[in-house]
Amino acid sequence: MRLPRPLHPGAWWVWALGLATAASRTTNPILLVMIGAVAAYVVASRRTDAPWARGFKTYAYLAIAVLAIRLVFRMLLDAQHGQHVLFSLPEIPLPDAAAGVRIGGTVSLEGLLAALYDGLRLAVLLLCVGAANVLANAKRLLKAMPAALHEVGVAVTVALSVAPQLIESGQRVRAARRLRGEAGRRFHVFREIALPVMTDALDRSLLLAASMDARGYGRTANVPRPTRVAAGALLVGGLVAICTGTYGLLDSTAPRTLGMPMLLVGAAGGWAGIVLAGRRGQRSRYRPDPWGAPEWAVAGIGVGVAAVVIAVSALDPADLYPSVQPLEWPALPVLPAAAVLAGALPAWLAPPARLPAISRSMNPAAEPAR
């Protein structure tokens, strides 16, 4: 039995972003459903007992809402492209200034399938981000940020923790209403639920900011001016080199020196700038999160899934983008499907987040007295 410990939040984010990258490179509904199922299974296997860790259901509802909105708007605005007409909606006549815009009219099967594929891709992206928010503790992610990036880390952590805090606040407000025996009324949802949830989330954010300020978070040390100038120059130069290298990789007509070599030079320069700029930050870390073999395995699986799908989309994208005109049944590509299934390995490779429940048959003390 492995002892439970929290996995490094950066590993969960790398894994989730790998799945999201794979979902963004395909419109195959079979692969997209598999990616969403893999994310849900890993969340169910490795989530903690924290209140915000039980919010994956909210992300699932949001994904379903996004998919439904995509389908409704496509039916109302642009779903007539296709030979298989399903039904017709009343069409609203528009002036000549709105030429090319249509509200209502015929709805075809091809148009609905195109909207379904695009909406399903966006819904799976939301599920992947929700899985990262549920599995990774945003506060521990802030603690793992380099000292040079503590200002950026605070902004990113606040942005990532908004949804989990809203979910946790909603659970607390609902529990309090149930304890008071209050029945929900449809026409007073904002006053009775939404407003207390937003107020509670704002109060908790202000308390977190006050506690960080009281502990001296962000306190800087005196660093010589040449060191600050060198750190800034390395950071800016590294960012410019990374952008140039990315452009060189994407543009096939660019010289080879603008591709991977420039990208490596930019990454090295940026890392050196971060190390130099980190001397300004003086903060201690109590029990930092380790980065061991489980973290490497989880992050590597996410990167591997993304790499396989990207490679297949560049070499043979036919099965990743099923045709809707003419209509074709989506095929299951073997290699991307195997890579997506391998994305569920963190459910076993990551350490457990809590001890497993001990059954009564193995615990004699739990047996009732006869």
Protein backbone atom coordinates (compact mmCIF):
# COMPACT_ATOMS: atom_id res chain seq x y z
CA MET A 1 0.00 0.00 0.00
CA ARG A 2 1.47 3.34 -1.05
CA LEU A 3 1.29 6.20 1.41
CA PRO A 4 -0.95 9.04 0.23
CA ARG A 5 0.61 12.37 -0.68
CA PRO A 6 -0.48 15.23 -2.93
CA LEU A 7 1.03 15.16 -6.39
CA HIS A 8 2.85 18.29 -7.51
CA PRO A 9 0.20 20.65 -8.98
CA GLY A 10 2.45 21.40 -11.94
CA ALA A 11 2.35 17.74 -12.98
CA TRP A 12 -1.45 17.74 -13.00
CA TRP A 13 -1.52 20.89 -15.10
CA VAL A 14 0.96 19.49 -17.63
CA TRP A 15 -1.12 16.31 -17.91
CA ALA A 16 -4.38 18.22 -18.31
CA LEU A 17 -2.92 20.63 -20.85
CA GLY A 18 -1.60 17.65 -22.81
CA LEU A 19 -5.12 16.22 -23.01
CA ALA A 20 -6.49 19.64 -23.94
CA THR A 21 -3.90 19.98 -26.70
CA ALA A 22 -4.89 16.59 -28.08
CA ALA A 23 -8.57 17.60 -28.00
CA SER A 24 -7.82 20.84 -29.84
CA ARG A 25 -6.24 18.96 -32.75
CA THR A 26 -9.24 16.81 -33.65
CA THR A 27 -12.98 16.98 -34.24
CA ASN A 28 -13.48 13.22 -34.14
CA PRO A 29 -16.35 12.71 -31.67
CA ILE A 30 -15.10 9.27 -30.64
CA LEU A 31 -11.69 10.61 -29.63
CA LEU A 32 -13.22 13.63 -27.92
CA VAL A 33 -15.56 11.48 -25.84
CA MET A 34 -12.61 9.25 -24.92
CA ILE A 35 -10.57 12.27 -23.78
CA GLY A 36 -13.44 13.52 -21.63
CA ALA A 37 -13.96 10.05 -20.14
CA VAL A 38 -10.24 9.72 -19.36
CA ALA A 39 -10.21 13.10 -17.59
CA ALA A 40 -13.31 12.19 -15.56
CA TYR A 41 -11.90 8.79 -14.58
CA VAL A 42 -8.59 10.24 -13.36
CA VAL A 43 -10.46 12.90 -11.38
CA ALA A 44 -12.66 10.27 -9.74
CA SER A 45 -9.59 8.18 -8.86
CA ARG A 46 -7.17 10.85 -7.59
CA ARG A 47 -9.16 13.79 -6.26
CA THR A 48 -8.80 14.82 -2.63
CA ASP A 49 -11.44 15.37 0.04
CA ALA A 50 -11.19 19.18 -0.19
CA PRO A 51 -14.49 20.99 -0.86
CA TRP A 52 -13.23 22.54 -4.10
CA ALA A 53 -12.13 19.11 -5.31
CA ARG A 54 -15.76 18.04 -5.64
CA GLY A 55 -16.53 20.61 -8.32
CA PHE A 56 -15.93 18.54 -11.44
CA LYS A 57 -19.67 18.10 -11.79
CA THR A 58 -19.99 21.86 -12.24
CA TYR A 59 -17.49 21.81 -15.09
CA ALA A 60 -19.45 18.95 -16.67
CA TYR A 61 -22.67 20.99 -16.49
CA LEU A 62 -20.84 23.96 -18.02
CA ALA A 63 -19.54 21.77 -20.85
CA ILE A 64 -23.06 20.48 -21.57
CA ALA A 65 -24.38 24.06 -21.57
CA VAL A 66 -21.68 25.17 -24.01
CA LEU A 67 -22.51 22.27 -26.33
CA ALA A 68 -26.24 23.05 -26.19
CA ILE A 69 -25.66 26.76 -26.86
CA ARG A 70 -23.47 25.90 -29.84
CA LEU A 71 -26.18 23.69 -31.33
CA VAL A 72 -28.98 26.22 -30.74
CA PHE A 73 -27.07 29.10 -32.31
CA ARG A 74 -26.11 26.96 -35.28
CA MET A 75 -29.76 26.01 -35.84
CA LEU A 76 -30.87 29.62 -35.65
CA LEU A 77 -28.12 31.21 -37.72
CA ASP A 78 -26.29 28.84 -40.06
CA ALA A 79 -27.41 25.23 -40.35
CA GLN A 80 -28.76 25.10 -43.90
CA HIS A 81 -25.57 23.92 -45.63
CA GLY A 82 -26.30 20.31 -46.54
CA GLN A 83 -28.48 18.04 -48.57
CA HIS A 84 -30.16 16.17 -45.70
CA VAL A 85 -32.76 18.64 -44.41
CA LEU A 86 -34.16 17.73 -41.01
CA PHE A 87 -36.74 20.48 -40.42
CA SER A 88 -37.40 24.14 -41.09
CA LEU A 89 -37.71 27.06 -38.67
CA PRO A 90 -39.63 30.28 -39.29
CA GLU A 91 -37.24 32.64 -41.05
CA ILE A 92 -37.08 36.29 -40.00
CA PRO A 93 -36.68 38.68 -42.95
CA LEU A 94 -33.71 41.00 -42.61
CA PRO A 95 -32.84 44.23 -44.44
CA ASP A 96 -30.40 44.37 -47.32
CA ALA A 97 -27.69 45.75 -45.02
CA ALA A 98 -27.60 42.34 -43.29
CA ALA A 99 -26.93 40.38 -46.45
CA GLY A 100 -25.39 37.01 -45.70
CA VAL A 101 -26.98 36.78 -42.24
CA ARG A 102 -29.86 34.38 -41.76
CA ILE A 103 -32.11 33.87 -38.75
CA GLY A 104 -34.22 30.74 -39.00
CA GLY A 105 -34.84 28.70 -42.12
CA THR A 106 -33.97 25.13 -42.99
CA VAL A 107 -31.78 23.03 -40.69
CA SER A 108 -29.66 20.29 -42.22
CA LEU A 109 -28.00 17.27 -40.69
CA GLU A 110 -24.59 18.36 -42.00
CA GLY A 111 -24.85 21.73 -40.27
CA LEU A 112 -25.87 20.18 -36.95
CA LEU A 113 -23.06 17.64 -37.08
CA ALA A 114 -20.50 20.38 -37.78
CA ALA A 115 -21.80 22.34 -34.78
CA LEU A 116 -21.79 19.17 -32.65
CA TYR A 117 -18.15 18.42 -33.47
CA ASP A 118 -16.98 21.97 -32.75
CA GLY A 119 -19.05 22.25 -29.58
CA LEU A 120 -17.88 18.88 -28.34
CA ARG A 121 -14.26 19.95 -28.79
CA LEU A 122 -14.83 23.09 -26.72
CA ALA A 123 -16.71 21.09 -24.07
CA VAL A 124 -13.82 18.62 -23.73
CA LEU A 125 -11.37 21.52 -23.39
CA LEU A 126 -13.47 22.79 -20.48
CA LEU A 127 -13.44 19.33 -18.90
CA CYS A 128 -9.63 19.15 -19.15
CA VAL A 129 -9.22 22.57 -17.51
CA GLY A 130 -11.75 21.57 -14.87
CA ALA A 131 -9.82 18.38 -14.17
CA ALA A 132 -6.65 20.42 -13.59
CA ASN A 133 -8.50 22.80 -11.25
CA VAL A 134 -9.99 19.90 -9.30
CA LEU A 135 -6.78 17.87 -8.98
CA ALA A 136 -4.21 20.67 -8.52
CA ASN A 137 -4.28 22.93 -5.48
CA ALA A 138 -3.90 26.51 -6.70
CA LYS A 139 -2.24 27.64 -3.46
CA ARG A 140 0.37 24.91 -3.68
CA LEU A 141 0.95 25.89 -7.30
CA LEU A 142 1.66 29.45 -6.15
CA LYS A 143 4.16 28.15 -3.63
CA ALA A 144 5.96 26.21 -6.37
CA MET A 145 6.37 29.26 -8.61
CA PRO A 146 9.93 30.66 -8.97
CA ALA A 147 10.73 33.65 -6.82
CA ALA A 148 11.20 35.84 -9.89
CA LEU A 149 7.64 35.17 -11.03
CA HIS A 150 5.81 35.77 -7.78
CA GLU A 151 3.88 38.79 -9.16
CA VAL A 152 2.79 36.85 -12.25
CA GLY A 153 2.20 33.79 -10.07
CA VAL A 154 -0.19 35.70 -7.83
CA ALA A 155 -2.25 36.90 -10.81
CA VAL A 156 -2.32 33.44 -12.41
CA THR A 157 -3.21 31.74 -9.12
CA VAL A 158 -6.04 34.17 -8.43
CA ALA A 159 -7.40 33.59 -11.94
CA LEU A 160 -7.20 29.81 -11.56
CA SER A 161 -8.74 29.79 -8.09
CA VAL A 162 -11.82 31.85 -8.99
CA ALA A 163 -13.83 28.89 -10.25
CA PRO A 164 -12.90 26.52 -7.38
CA GLN A 165 -13.71 29.20 -4.79
CA LEU A 166 -17.06 29.91 -6.41
CA ILE A 167 -17.88 26.21 -6.42
CA GLU A 168 -16.86 25.81 -2.78
CA SER A 169 -18.83 28.91 -1.78
CA GLY A 170 -21.88 27.57 -3.60
CA GLN A 171 -21.63 24.29 -1.71
CA ARG A 172 -21.38 26.11 1.62
CA VAL A 173 -24.37 28.34 0.84
CA ARG A 174 -26.48 25.36 -0.24
CA ALA A 175 -25.53 23.41 2.89
CA ALA A 176 -26.43 26.37 5.10
CA ARG A 177 -29.80 26.76 3.39
CA ARG A 178 -30.56 23.07 3.81
CA LEU A 179 -29.69 23.20 7.52
CA ARG A 180 -32.07 26.13 7.96
CA GLY A 181 -34.79 24.23 6.10
CA GLU A 182 -35.16 26.84 3.38
CA ALA A 183 -36.70 25.66 0.14
CA GLY A 184 -35.30 27.15 -3.06
CA ARG A 185 -37.54 29.46 -5.05
CA ARG A 186 -37.02 29.85 -8.78
CA PHE A 187 -37.52 33.60 -8.98
CA HIS A 188 -35.19 34.52 -6.11
CA VAL A 189 -32.10 32.59 -7.16
CA PHE A 190 -29.84 35.65 -7.52
CA ARG A 191 -30.76 37.16 -4.16
CA GLU A 192 -30.73 33.93 -2.20
CA ILE A 193 -27.85 31.97 -3.79
CA ALA A 194 -25.82 33.88 -6.36
CA LEU A 195 -25.28 37.03 -4.28
CA PRO A 196 -24.17 35.17 -1.11
CA VAL A 197 -21.85 32.99 -3.19
CA MET A 198 -20.11 35.96 -4.81
CA THR A 199 -19.89 37.81 -1.48
CA ASP A 200 -18.37 34.80 0.26
CA ALA A 201 -15.84 34.24 -2.52
CA LEU A 202 -14.82 37.93 -2.44
CA ASP A 203 -14.45 37.89 1.37
CA ARG A 204 -12.24 34.80 1.23
CA SER A 205 -10.08 36.36 -1.49
CA LEU A 206 -9.60 39.49 0.63
CA LEU A 207 -8.67 37.36 3.65
CA LEU A 208 -6.13 35.45 1.57
CA ALA A 209 -4.59 38.70 0.31
CA ALA A 210 -4.41 40.08 3.86
CA SER A 211 -2.77 36.93 5.18
CA MET A 212 -0.19 36.95 2.37
CA ASP A 213 0.60 40.61 3.07
CA ALA A 214 0.94 39.92 6.80
CA ARG A 215 3.44 37.16 6.09
CA GLY A 216 5.57 39.45 3.94
CA TYR A 217 4.86 37.77 0.64
CA GLY A 218 6.58 39.59 -2.23
CA ARG A 219 9.23 41.23 -0.08
CA THR A 220 12.24 42.05 -2.21
CA ALA A 221 15.92 42.38 -1.40
CA ASN A 222 18.43 44.99 -2.54
CA VAL A 223 20.11 43.72 -5.71
CA PRO A 224 22.85 45.65 -7.53
CA ARG A 225 21.70 47.59 -10.57
CA PRO A 226 23.88 45.61 -13.06
CA THR A 227 22.23 42.39 -11.90
CA ARG A 228 18.75 43.82 -12.39
CA VAL A 229 19.61 45.14 -15.84
CA ALA A 230 21.14 41.81 -16.86
CA ALA A 231 18.12 39.89 -15.59
CA GLY A 232 15.70 42.15 -17.49
CA ALA A 233 17.76 41.95 -20.67
CA LEU A 234 17.91 38.16 -20.49
CA LEU A 235 14.18 37.86 -19.88
CA VAL A 236 13.22 40.19 -22.74
CA GLY A 237 15.82 38.71 -25.09
CA GLY A 238 14.75 35.18 -24.23
CA LEU A 239 11.09 36.01 -24.86
CA VAL A 240 11.91 37.57 -28.24
CA ALA A 241 14.05 34.55 -29.17
CA ILE A 242 11.28 32.14 -28.17
CA CYS A 243 8.74 34.03 -30.31
CA THR A 244 11.17 34.06 -33.23
CA GLY A 245 11.90 30.35 -32.85
CA THR A 246 8.19 29.53 -32.70
CA TYR A 247 7.63 31.49 -35.91
CA GLY A 248 10.56 29.68 -37.52
CA LEU A 249 9.04 26.32 -36.63
CA LEU A 250 5.62 27.23 -37.98
CA ASP A 251 6.83 28.87 -41.21
CA SER A 252 8.24 26.31 -43.62
CA THR A 253 9.93 29.02 -45.72
CA ALA A 254 11.91 30.50 -42.80
CA PRO A 255 15.65 29.70 -42.43
CA ARG A 256 16.50 26.77 -40.23
CA THR A 257 18.44 28.99 -37.83
CA LEU A 258 15.17 30.69 -36.89
CA GLY A 259 13.59 27.43 -35.78
CA MET A 260 14.72 25.08 -33.07
CA PRO A 261 18.16 26.71 -32.45
CA MET A 262 16.57 30.10 -31.75
CA LEU A 263 13.95 28.43 -29.55
CA LEU A 264 16.62 26.71 -27.47
CA VAL A 265 18.64 29.91 -27.16
CA GLY A 266 15.54 31.78 -26.01
CA ALA A 267 14.65 29.13 -23.44
CA ALA A 268 18.21 29.18 -22.05
CA GLY A 269 18.25 32.98 -21.90
CA GLY A 270 14.87 33.14 -20.22
CA TRP A 271 15.88 30.56 -17.63
CA ALA A 272 19.06 32.49 -16.83
CA GLY A 273 17.03 35.68 -16.47
CA ILE A 274 14.60 33.97 -14.11
CA VAL A 275 17.50 32.71 -11.96
CA LEU A 276 19.04 36.19 -11.74
CA ALA A 277 15.72 37.88 -11.09
CA GLY A 278 14.98 35.35 -8.36
CA ARG A 279 17.65 36.91 -6.18
CA ARG A 280 15.30 39.81 -5.50
CA GLY A 281 12.75 37.60 -3.84
CA GLN A 282 13.38 36.55 -0.25
CA ARG A 283 10.84 34.02 0.87
CA SER A 284 11.21 30.67 2.51
CA ARG A 285 9.33 27.51 1.59
CA TYR A 286 8.04 25.24 4.28
CA ARG A 287 7.97 21.62 3.11
CA PRO A 288 8.11 22.25 -0.66
CA ASP A 289 6.28 19.79 -2.87
CA PRO A 290 8.69 17.17 -4.23
CA TRP A 291 9.04 16.44 -7.91
CA GLY A 292 9.77 12.74 -8.13
CA ALA A 293 9.12 9.79 -10.37
CA PRO A 294 5.28 10.02 -10.17
CA GLU A 295 5.40 13.66 -11.26
CA TRP A 296 7.66 12.84 -14.19
CA ALA A 297 5.37 9.97 -15.18
CA VAL A 298 2.14 12.00 -15.04
CA ALA A 299 3.63 14.98 -16.88
CA GLY A 300 5.29 12.72 -19.44
CA ILE A 301 2.01 10.96 -20.18
CA GLY A 302 0.28 14.28 -20.88
CA VAL A 303 3.10 15.43 -23.16
CA GLY A 304 3.11 12.04 -24.90
CA VAL A 305 -0.62 12.14 -25.62
CA ALA A 306 -0.32 15.61 -27.12
CA ALA A 307 2.76 14.67 -29.17
CA VAL A 308 1.12 11.57 -30.68
CA VAL A 309 -2.05 13.40 -31.69
CA ILE A 310 -0.10 16.35 -33.13
CA ALA A 311 2.14 14.01 -35.12
CA VAL A 312 -0.84 12.08 -36.52
CA SER A 313 -2.66 15.33 -37.38
CA ALA A 314 0.38 16.44 -39.38
CA LEU A 315 0.94 13.13 -41.19
CA ASP A 316 -2.56 11.67 -41.68
CA PRO A 317 -5.32 14.02 -40.51
CA ALA A 318 -8.17 12.31 -42.35
CA ASP A 319 -9.42 10.25 -39.40
CA LEU A 320 -8.97 13.13 -36.93
CA TYR A 321 -11.30 15.42 -38.88
CA PRO A 322 -14.30 13.40 -40.08
CA SER A 323 -16.07 14.83 -43.10
CA VAL A 324 -19.60 16.19 -42.88
CA GLN A 325 -19.89 17.08 -46.58
CA PRO A 326 -20.25 14.40 -47.80
CA LEU A 327 -21.39 12.64 -44.67
CA GLU A 328 -19.01 10.00 -43.35
CA TRP A 329 -19.15 7.88 -40.22
CA PRO A 330 -16.27 8.86 -37.91
CA ALA A 331 -13.50 6.28 -37.93
CA LEU A 332 -11.45 5.37 -34.88
CA PRO A 333 -7.72 6.01 -35.47
CA VAL A 334 -5.79 3.32 -33.63
CA LEU A 335 -2.66 5.22 -32.63
CA PRO A 336 -4.37 8.37 -31.26
CA ALA A 337 -6.95 6.21 -29.48
CA ALA A 338 -4.19 4.18 -27.80
CA ALA A 339 -2.45 7.39 -26.76
CA VAL A 340 -5.66 8.80 -25.27
CA LEU A 341 -6.28 5.58 -23.34
CA ALA A 342 -2.73 5.81 -22.02
CA GLY A 343 -3.73 9.21 -20.63
CA ALA A 344 -5.67 7.35 -17.90
CA LEU A 345 -2.46 5.86 -16.44
CA PRO A 346 -2.12 8.66 -13.82
CA ALA A 347 -5.07 7.02 -12.06
CA TRP A 348 -2.57 4.32 -11.04
CA LEU A 349 0.82 6.00 -11.37
CA ALA A 350 0.00 9.01 -9.20
CA PRO A 351 0.12 8.42 -5.44
CA PRO A 352 -3.27 8.13 -3.75
CA ALA A 353 -4.68 11.35 -2.38
CA ARG A 354 -6.19 9.61 0.68
CA LEU A 355 -6.06 6.28 2.44
CA PRO A 356 -8.48 3.64 1.11
CA ALA A 357 -11.46 2.81 3.28
CA ILE A 358 -10.95 -0.27 5.43
CA SER A 359 -13.71 -2.80 4.97
CA ARG A 360 -15.56 -4.19 7.97
CA SER A 361 -14.51 -7.73 7.17
CA MET A 362 -10.84 -6.79 7.62
CA ASN A 363 -11.43 -4.70 10.73
CA PRO A 364 -12.72 -6.81 13.64
CA ALA A 365 -13.18 -3.74 15.80
CA ALA A 366 -15.79 -2.44 13.37
CA GLU A 367 -17.99 -5.52 13.72
CA PRO A 368 -21.14 -4.86 15.76
CA ALA A 369 -21.46 -6.62 19.11
CA ARG A 370 -23.70 -9.68 19.19
